[in-house]
Amino acid sequence: QVQLVESGGGLVQPGGSLRLSCVATGSSFSTSNMAWYRQSPDKQRETVASISPTGATIYDNAVRGRFTISRNNARNTVYLDMTDLKPDDTAVYYCRCRTTAGDLYWGQGTQVTVSS
């Protein structure tokens, strides 16, 4: 079992920055693929960025160049650094863990609101 706890969301003005964190319990973090998703009320949940156990990253076109995903295996933590935030980035952001066995785990979500 893996439990994920996100933090770092909040209200920010357009052009601002936020750092999201996701702490995982359990011993499988270092071998798991980690990702951030987001969902707004009028859209389906979408992938924002993912990072492999070795640090390879993939970004959605909408955030490439503005967001950075990273991980600290010693702290069982994955981060999402978000810069130049736009109102369209407003959503609930979820952390997702995929283990080597293919099991999926989700956090409870953290709200990010970009508004002046």
Protein backbone atom coordinates (compact mmCIF):
# COMPACT_ATOMS: atom_id res chain seq x y z
CA GLN A 1 0.00 0.00 0.00
CA VAL A 2 1.09 3.53 -0.79
CA GLN A 3 -0.42 6.68 0.64
CA LEU A 4 0.15 10.04 -1.01
CA VAL A 5 -0.27 13.43 0.66
CA GLU A 6 -0.12 16.58 -1.43
CA SER A 7 0.51 20.09 -0.17
CA GLY A 8 1.42 23.53 -1.47
CA GLY A 9 -1.71 24.60 -3.29
CA GLY A 10 -3.32 27.98 -2.84
CA LEU A 11 -4.36 31.23 -4.43
CA VAL A 12 -1.83 33.00 -6.62
CA GLN A 13 -1.98 35.90 -9.05
CA PRO A 14 -1.38 35.39 -12.77
CA GLY A 15 2.35 35.25 -13.44
CA GLY A 16 3.05 33.92 -9.96
CA SER A 17 4.66 30.70 -8.80
CA LEU A 18 3.84 27.78 -6.53
CA ARG A 19 5.56 24.59 -5.47
CA LEU A 20 3.48 21.48 -4.91
CA SER A 21 4.82 18.58 -2.85
CA CYS A 22 3.66 14.99 -2.60
CA VAL A 23 4.99 12.74 0.14
CA ALA A 24 4.59 8.99 -0.27
CA THR A 25 4.55 6.29 2.39
CA GLY A 26 5.92 2.82 1.78
CA SER A 27 9.15 1.43 0.39
CA SER A 28 8.33 1.42 -3.31
CA PHE A 29 8.71 5.13 -4.03
CA SER A 30 12.19 4.97 -5.53
CA THR A 31 11.13 2.39 -8.13
CA SER A 32 7.78 3.96 -8.96
CA ASN A 33 6.75 6.24 -11.77
CA MET A 34 5.33 9.43 -10.28
CA ALA A 35 3.09 11.99 -11.93
CA TRP A 36 0.98 15.07 -11.38
CA TYR A 37 -2.51 15.33 -12.85
CA ARG A 38 -5.05 18.12 -12.68
CA GLN A 39 -8.78 18.44 -13.03
CA SER A 40 -10.97 21.51 -13.34
CA PRO A 41 -14.77 21.43 -13.09
CA ASP A 42 -15.30 21.59 -16.85
CA LYS A 43 -12.55 19.19 -17.92
CA GLN A 44 -11.49 15.59 -17.55
CA ARG A 45 -8.48 14.77 -15.40
CA GLU A 46 -5.35 15.34 -17.45
CA THR A 47 -1.70 14.52 -17.06
CA VAL A 48 0.50 17.49 -16.25
CA ALA A 49 3.90 15.86 -15.91
CA SER A 50 5.51 12.55 -15.03
CA ILE A 51 8.92 11.40 -13.83
CA SER A 52 10.43 7.94 -14.04
CA PRO A 53 12.45 6.27 -11.29
CA THR A 54 15.61 7.38 -13.09
CA GLY A 55 14.45 10.98 -13.47
CA ALA A 56 13.24 11.04 -17.06
CA THR A 57 10.44 13.59 -17.40
CA ILE A 58 7.46 14.13 -19.69
CA TYR A 59 5.34 17.28 -19.81
CA ASP A 60 2.01 18.22 -21.29
CA ASN A 61 2.39 20.84 -24.01
CA ALA A 62 0.33 23.33 -22.00
CA VAL A 63 2.89 23.45 -19.17
CA ARG A 64 6.21 22.66 -20.85
CA GLY A 65 8.70 25.41 -20.10
CA ARG A 66 6.70 26.69 -17.13
CA PHE A 67 6.41 23.67 -14.84
CA THR A 68 9.18 21.39 -13.55
CA ILE A 69 8.64 17.97 -11.98
CA SER A 70 11.37 16.55 -9.75
CA ARG A 71 11.78 13.88 -7.10
CA ASN A 72 13.81 13.25 -3.97
CA ASN A 73 13.93 9.52 -3.36
CA ALA A 74 15.58 9.94 0.03
CA ARG A 75 12.53 11.93 1.15
CA ASN A 76 9.92 9.91 -0.75
CA THR A 77 8.77 13.19 -2.26
CA VAL A 78 7.85 14.41 -5.71
CA TYR A 79 7.58 18.11 -6.48
CA LEU A 80 5.91 20.27 -9.09
CA ASP A 81 7.40 23.73 -9.46
CA MET A 82 4.97 25.95 -11.31
CA THR A 83 5.95 29.35 -12.72
CA ASP A 84 4.21 31.95 -14.89
CA LEU A 85 0.88 30.61 -13.72
CA LYS A 86 -2.19 31.38 -15.81
CA PRO A 87 -5.90 31.34 -14.96
CA ASP A 88 -6.22 28.19 -17.12
CA ASP A 89 -3.92 26.42 -14.64
CA THR A 90 -6.66 26.65 -12.01
CA ALA A 91 -7.56 23.11 -11.00
CA VAL A 92 -7.27 20.47 -8.32
CA TYR A 93 -3.83 18.91 -8.67
CA TYR A 94 -3.38 15.23 -7.87
CA CYS A 95 -0.27 13.17 -7.27
CA ARG A 96 -0.20 9.66 -8.78
CA CYS A 97 2.11 6.74 -8.07
CA ARG A 98 2.47 3.75 -10.41
CA THR A 99 4.45 0.88 -8.94
CA THR A 100 6.49 -1.66 -10.88
CA ALA A 101 3.59 -4.07 -10.39
CA GLY A 102 1.29 -1.64 -12.18
CA ASP A 103 -0.69 -0.62 -9.11
CA LEU A 104 -1.97 2.96 -9.11
CA TYR A 105 -2.32 5.18 -6.07
CA TRP A 106 -3.71 8.72 -5.87
CA GLY A 107 -3.48 11.55 -3.40
CA GLN A 108 -6.47 13.52 -2.18
CA GLY A 109 -5.66 16.56 -4.31
CA THR A 110 -4.67 20.14 -3.63
CA GLN A 111 -6.46 23.18 -5.04
CA VAL A 112 -4.55 25.70 -7.15
CA THR A 113 -6.38 28.90 -8.03
CA VAL A 114 -4.84 31.50 -10.32
CA SER A 115 -6.74 34.75 -10.13
CA SER A 116 -6.21 38.46 -9.71
